[in-house]
């Protein structure tokens, strides 16, 4: 049977707000404590990661990623960032549950993998 994956992208005001890549970046920042380490883990340039973080931080009322206090560098998820990450994963889980039958039907209609 063909393996299928449902991905979710949330748009706001006609522009992409959150999707798989931004969520993965938030997860990596939370795990590594660093935007540059998160970027490396994802095979992404630091500049690209920084631009994505900057876009998320300005799109939401409160920043999702903040610098760690103490002068040692690094970054972490703010409480809002943790909440957004959790909400996205909850929405994703609910969407998968809602379309499980249709996804199974669609997978059965696909040619088997080589």
N, C-alpha and C. Protein backbone atom coordinates (compact mmCIF):
# COMPACT_ATOMS: atom_id res chain seq x y z
N UNK A 1 0.85 -1.19 0.00
CA UNK A 1 0.00 0.00 0.00
C UNK A 1 0.89 1.25 0.00
N UNK A 2 0.45 2.25 -0.67
CA UNK A 2 1.18 3.51 -0.76
C UNK A 2 1.16 4.21 0.59
N UNK A 3 2.33 4.64 1.03
CA UNK A 3 2.41 5.41 2.27
C UNK A 3 2.04 6.85 1.97
N UNK A 4 1.12 7.39 2.75
CA UNK A 4 0.66 8.76 2.52
C UNK A 4 0.85 9.56 3.80
N UNK A 5 1.03 10.85 3.62
CA UNK A 5 1.19 11.76 4.74
C UNK A 5 0.37 13.01 4.48
N UNK A 6 -0.37 13.42 5.45
CA UNK A 6 -1.14 14.65 5.36
C UNK A 6 -0.32 15.77 6.01
N UNK A 7 -0.08 16.85 5.28
CA UNK A 7 0.60 17.99 5.86
C UNK A 7 -0.38 19.14 5.94
N UNK A 8 -0.11 20.04 6.84
CA UNK A 8 -1.03 21.12 7.13
C UNK A 8 -0.32 22.45 6.98
N UNK A 9 -0.95 23.39 6.31
CA UNK A 9 -0.45 24.76 6.24
C UNK A 9 -1.57 25.68 6.65
N UNK A 10 -1.27 26.58 7.53
CA UNK A 10 -2.26 27.55 8.01
C UNK A 10 -1.90 28.90 7.41
N UNK A 11 -2.87 29.50 6.73
CA UNK A 11 -2.70 30.84 6.16
C UNK A 11 -3.50 31.84 6.98
N UNK A 12 -3.01 33.06 7.04
CA UNK A 12 -3.72 34.15 7.71
C UNK A 12 -3.61 35.40 6.84
N UNK A 13 -4.72 36.03 6.61
CA UNK A 13 -4.75 37.25 5.80
C UNK A 13 -4.10 37.04 4.44
N UNK A 14 -4.30 35.86 3.85
CA UNK A 14 -3.80 35.57 2.51
C UNK A 14 -2.33 35.20 2.43
N UNK A 15 -1.67 35.06 3.56
CA UNK A 15 -0.25 34.71 3.56
C UNK A 15 -0.01 33.48 4.43
N UNK A 16 1.01 32.69 4.09
CA UNK A 16 1.32 31.52 4.92
C UNK A 16 1.68 31.93 6.34
N UNK A 17 1.05 31.32 7.31
CA UNK A 17 1.33 31.61 8.72
C UNK A 17 2.22 30.52 9.31
N UNK A 18 1.77 29.29 9.22
CA UNK A 18 2.50 28.15 9.78
C UNK A 18 2.37 26.96 8.86
N UNK A 19 3.43 26.21 8.79
CA UNK A 19 3.42 24.97 8.04
C UNK A 19 4.46 24.04 8.62
N UNK A 20 4.65 22.92 7.96
CA UNK A 20 5.56 21.89 8.45
C UNK A 20 6.97 22.43 8.73
N UNK A 21 7.49 23.24 7.83
CA UNK A 21 8.86 23.74 7.98
C UNK A 21 9.03 24.67 9.17
N UNK A 22 8.13 25.63 9.32
CA UNK A 22 8.24 26.56 10.45
C UNK A 22 8.04 25.84 11.77
N UNK A 23 7.14 24.89 11.80
CA UNK A 23 6.90 24.12 13.02
C UNK A 23 8.13 23.29 13.37
N UNK A 24 8.74 22.66 12.37
CA UNK A 24 9.95 21.88 12.60
C UNK A 24 11.07 22.80 13.12
N UNK A 25 11.17 24.00 12.58
CA UNK A 25 12.17 24.95 13.05
C UNK A 25 11.92 25.31 14.51
N UNK A 26 10.67 25.58 14.87
CA UNK A 26 10.37 25.87 16.27
C UNK A 26 10.74 24.70 17.17
N UNK A 27 10.43 23.49 16.73
CA UNK A 27 10.79 22.30 17.52
C UNK A 27 12.30 22.21 17.70
N UNK A 28 13.04 22.43 16.64
CA UNK A 28 14.50 22.34 16.70
C UNK A 28 15.08 23.43 17.61
N UNK A 29 14.54 24.63 17.56
CA UNK A 29 15.00 25.70 18.44
C UNK A 29 14.73 25.31 19.89
N UNK A 30 13.56 24.76 20.14
CA UNK A 30 13.23 24.31 21.48
C UNK A 30 14.17 23.21 21.97
N UNK A 31 14.57 22.33 21.08
CA UNK A 31 15.45 21.22 21.45
C UNK A 31 16.91 21.63 21.59
N UNK A 32 17.36 22.51 20.70
CA UNK A 32 18.79 22.86 20.67
C UNK A 32 19.12 24.12 21.46
N UNK A 33 18.13 24.98 21.67
CA UNK A 33 18.39 26.24 22.36
C UNK A 33 19.15 27.24 21.52
N UNK A 34 19.06 27.08 20.18
CA UNK A 34 19.84 27.94 19.30
C UNK A 34 19.21 27.96 17.91
N UNK A 35 19.12 29.15 17.33
CA UNK A 35 18.64 29.25 15.95
C UNK A 35 19.65 28.65 14.99
N UNK A 36 20.94 28.91 15.22
CA UNK A 36 21.95 28.37 14.31
C UNK A 36 22.03 26.85 14.39
N UNK A 37 21.94 26.28 15.58
CA UNK A 37 21.95 24.82 15.71
C UNK A 37 20.70 24.21 15.08
N UNK A 38 19.58 24.88 15.24
CA UNK A 38 18.34 24.40 14.62
C UNK A 38 18.47 24.42 13.11
N UNK A 39 19.04 25.49 12.58
CA UNK A 39 19.23 25.59 11.13
C UNK A 39 20.14 24.48 10.63
N UNK A 40 21.24 24.24 11.31
CA UNK A 40 22.16 23.17 10.92
C UNK A 40 21.45 21.81 10.93
N UNK A 41 20.67 21.56 11.97
CA UNK A 41 19.97 20.28 12.08
C UNK A 41 18.99 20.07 10.93
N UNK A 42 18.50 21.17 10.37
CA UNK A 42 17.54 21.08 9.27
C UNK A 42 18.18 21.23 7.90
N UNK A 43 19.50 21.44 7.87
CA UNK A 43 20.16 21.65 6.59
C UNK A 43 19.78 22.97 5.95
N UNK A 44 19.59 23.97 6.76
CA UNK A 44 19.12 25.28 6.33
C UNK A 44 20.17 26.32 6.69
N UNK A 45 20.27 27.38 5.94
CA UNK A 45 21.20 28.44 6.28
C UNK A 45 20.69 29.19 7.52
N UNK A 46 21.63 29.76 8.27
CA UNK A 46 21.24 30.55 9.43
C UNK A 46 20.37 31.71 9.00
N UNK A 47 20.72 32.34 7.89
CA UNK A 47 19.94 33.49 7.42
C UNK A 47 18.50 33.11 7.16
N UNK A 48 18.29 31.98 6.49
CA UNK A 48 16.93 31.52 6.20
C UNK A 48 16.17 31.26 7.50
N UNK A 49 16.83 30.59 8.45
CA UNK A 49 16.18 30.31 9.73
C UNK A 49 15.84 31.62 10.44
N UNK A 50 16.78 32.56 10.44
CA UNK A 50 16.54 33.83 11.11
C UNK A 50 15.36 34.57 10.46
N UNK A 51 15.29 34.57 9.13
CA UNK A 51 14.19 35.24 8.45
C UNK A 51 12.84 34.59 8.79
N UNK A 52 12.82 33.26 8.89
CA UNK A 52 11.58 32.58 9.27
C UNK A 52 11.19 32.93 10.70
N UNK A 53 12.16 32.94 11.60
CA UNK A 53 11.88 33.31 13.00
C UNK A 53 11.37 34.75 13.07
N UNK A 54 12.04 35.63 12.35
CA UNK A 54 11.63 37.04 12.34
C UNK A 54 10.20 37.20 11.81
N UNK A 55 9.88 36.45 10.75
CA UNK A 55 8.52 36.51 10.19
C UNK A 55 7.49 36.02 11.21
N UNK A 56 7.79 34.90 11.88
CA UNK A 56 6.85 34.40 12.89
C UNK A 56 6.73 35.37 14.06
N UNK A 57 7.85 35.92 14.49
CA UNK A 57 7.81 36.83 15.63
C UNK A 57 7.02 38.10 15.35
N UNK A 58 7.03 38.56 14.10
CA UNK A 58 6.28 39.78 13.78
C UNK A 58 4.83 39.49 13.42
N UNK A 59 4.54 38.26 13.02
CA UNK A 59 3.17 37.90 12.64
C UNK A 59 2.28 37.68 13.85
N UNK A 60 2.84 37.18 14.92
CA UNK A 60 2.07 36.94 16.13
C UNK A 60 2.15 38.15 17.06
N UNK A 61 1.16 38.28 17.94
CA UNK A 61 1.11 39.41 18.87
C UNK A 61 2.35 39.44 19.75
N UNK A 62 2.78 38.28 20.21
CA UNK A 62 3.98 38.16 21.03
C UNK A 62 4.98 37.26 20.30
N UNK A 63 6.27 37.51 20.46
CA UNK A 63 7.28 36.67 19.78
C UNK A 63 7.17 35.20 20.19
N UNK A 64 7.45 34.32 19.22
CA UNK A 64 7.45 32.89 19.48
C UNK A 64 8.83 32.41 19.91
N UNK A 65 9.86 33.12 19.48
CA UNK A 65 11.24 32.78 19.80
C UNK A 65 11.87 34.01 20.44
N UNK A 66 12.60 33.78 21.52
CA UNK A 66 13.26 34.90 22.19
C UNK A 66 14.68 34.52 22.55
N UNK A 67 15.51 35.54 22.69
CA UNK A 67 16.90 35.33 23.11
C UNK A 67 16.90 34.86 24.56
N UNK A 68 17.83 33.99 24.87
CA UNK A 68 17.96 33.52 26.26
C UNK A 68 18.68 34.59 27.07
N UNK A 69 18.16 34.90 28.24
CA UNK A 69 18.82 35.89 29.08
C UNK A 69 20.14 35.35 29.65
N UNK A 70 21.01 36.24 30.02
CA UNK A 70 22.24 35.83 30.68
C UNK A 70 23.50 36.09 29.86
N UNK A 71 23.37 36.59 28.66
CA UNK A 71 24.54 36.95 27.87
C UNK A 71 25.29 35.79 27.24
N UNK A 72 24.81 34.56 27.42
CA UNK A 72 25.51 33.42 26.85
C UNK A 72 25.07 33.08 25.45
N UNK A 73 24.17 33.86 24.90
CA UNK A 73 23.68 33.58 23.56
C UNK A 73 22.60 32.52 23.59
N UNK A 74 22.16 32.15 22.44
CA UNK A 74 21.14 31.14 22.32
C UNK A 74 19.75 31.73 22.23
N UNK A 75 18.81 30.86 21.97
CA UNK A 75 17.42 31.27 21.83
C UNK A 75 16.54 30.15 22.32
N UNK A 76 15.33 30.48 22.64
CA UNK A 76 14.37 29.48 23.08
C UNK A 76 12.97 29.88 22.69
N UNK A 77 12.05 28.97 22.90
CA UNK A 77 10.66 29.27 22.63
C UNK A 77 10.08 30.04 23.81
N UNK A 78 9.33 31.07 23.47
CA UNK A 78 8.61 31.80 24.50
C UNK A 78 7.40 30.96 24.90
N UNK A 79 6.70 31.32 25.96
CA UNK A 79 5.46 30.61 26.29
C UNK A 79 4.48 30.60 25.12
N UNK A 80 4.43 31.70 24.36
CA UNK A 80 3.56 31.76 23.19
C UNK A 80 4.04 30.80 22.11
N UNK A 81 5.36 30.70 21.94
CA UNK A 81 5.92 29.77 20.96
C UNK A 81 5.57 28.33 21.32
N UNK A 82 5.68 27.99 22.59
CA UNK A 82 5.31 26.65 23.04
C UNK A 82 3.82 26.40 22.81
N UNK A 83 2.99 27.40 23.07
CA UNK A 83 1.55 27.25 22.87
C UNK A 83 1.20 27.09 21.40
N UNK A 84 1.83 27.87 20.53
CA UNK A 84 1.58 27.77 19.08
C UNK A 84 2.00 26.40 18.58
N UNK A 85 3.15 25.93 19.01
CA UNK A 85 3.63 24.60 18.62
C UNK A 85 2.65 23.52 19.05
N UNK A 86 2.20 23.58 20.29
CA UNK A 86 1.24 22.60 20.81
C UNK A 86 -0.09 22.66 20.03
N UNK A 87 -0.59 23.86 19.79
CA UNK A 87 -1.86 24.02 19.06
C UNK A 87 -1.76 23.48 17.64
N UNK A 88 -0.66 23.79 16.96
CA UNK A 88 -0.48 23.28 15.60
C UNK A 88 -0.50 21.76 15.59
N UNK A 89 0.23 21.13 16.51
CA UNK A 89 0.26 19.66 16.57
C UNK A 89 -1.11 19.09 16.91
N UNK A 90 -1.88 19.77 17.75
CA UNK A 90 -3.24 19.32 18.06
C UNK A 90 -4.14 19.42 16.83
N UNK A 91 -4.03 20.52 16.10
CA UNK A 91 -4.82 20.70 14.87
C UNK A 91 -4.44 19.63 13.86
N UNK A 92 -3.16 19.40 13.71
CA UNK A 92 -2.66 18.38 12.78
C UNK A 92 -3.20 17.00 13.14
N UNK A 93 -3.17 16.67 14.40
CA UNK A 93 -3.68 15.37 14.87
C UNK A 93 -5.19 15.25 14.59
N UNK A 94 -5.93 16.30 14.88
CA UNK A 94 -7.38 16.29 14.63
C UNK A 94 -7.69 16.14 13.14
N UNK A 95 -6.92 16.83 12.30
CA UNK A 95 -7.12 16.73 10.85
C UNK A 95 -6.86 15.32 10.36
N UNK A 96 -5.78 14.71 10.84
CA UNK A 96 -5.48 13.32 10.45
C UNK A 96 -6.60 12.37 10.85
N UNK A 97 -7.08 12.54 12.06
CA UNK A 97 -8.18 11.69 12.53
C UNK A 97 -9.43 11.88 11.67
N UNK A 98 -9.70 13.12 11.29
CA UNK A 98 -10.91 13.43 10.54
C UNK A 98 -10.91 12.85 9.13
N UNK A 99 -9.72 12.70 8.53
CA UNK A 99 -9.66 12.25 7.13
C UNK A 99 -9.03 10.87 6.97
N UNK A 100 -8.86 10.15 8.05
CA UNK A 100 -8.19 8.85 8.00
C UNK A 100 -8.81 7.93 6.94
N UNK A 101 -10.11 7.80 6.91
CA UNK A 101 -10.78 6.92 5.95
C UNK A 101 -10.54 7.35 4.51
N UNK A 102 -10.66 8.63 4.24
CA UNK A 102 -10.43 9.14 2.89
C UNK A 102 -8.98 8.95 2.47
N UNK A 103 -8.05 9.12 3.39
CA UNK A 103 -6.63 8.93 3.06
C UNK A 103 -6.36 7.46 2.74
N UNK A 104 -6.98 6.54 3.47
CA UNK A 104 -6.82 5.12 3.19
C UNK A 104 -7.38 4.77 1.81
N UNK A 105 -8.53 5.35 1.49
CA UNK A 105 -9.13 5.12 0.17
C UNK A 105 -8.23 5.66 -0.92
N UNK A 106 -7.72 6.87 -0.74
CA UNK A 106 -6.83 7.49 -1.71
C UNK A 106 -5.56 6.66 -1.88
N UNK A 107 -5.00 6.17 -0.79
CA UNK A 107 -3.78 5.36 -0.86
C UNK A 107 -4.03 4.07 -1.63
N UNK A 108 -5.20 3.48 -1.43
CA UNK A 108 -5.52 2.24 -2.15
C UNK A 108 -5.67 2.48 -3.65
N UNK A 109 -5.96 3.70 -4.06
CA UNK A 109 -6.14 4.04 -5.46
C UNK A 109 -4.81 4.31 -6.17
N UNK A 110 -3.73 4.43 -5.41
CA UNK A 110 -2.41 4.74 -5.97
C UNK A 110 -1.69 3.46 -6.39
N UNK A 111 -0.81 3.60 -7.37
CA UNK A 111 0.04 2.50 -7.76
C UNK A 111 0.97 2.15 -6.62
N UNK A 112 1.33 0.89 -6.49
CA UNK A 112 2.25 0.53 -5.42
C UNK A 112 3.63 1.15 -5.66
N UNK A 113 4.36 1.39 -4.58
CA UNK A 113 5.70 1.98 -4.75
C UNK A 113 6.63 1.00 -5.46
N UNK A 114 7.63 1.53 -6.16
CA UNK A 114 8.55 0.65 -6.89
C UNK A 114 9.39 -0.21 -5.97
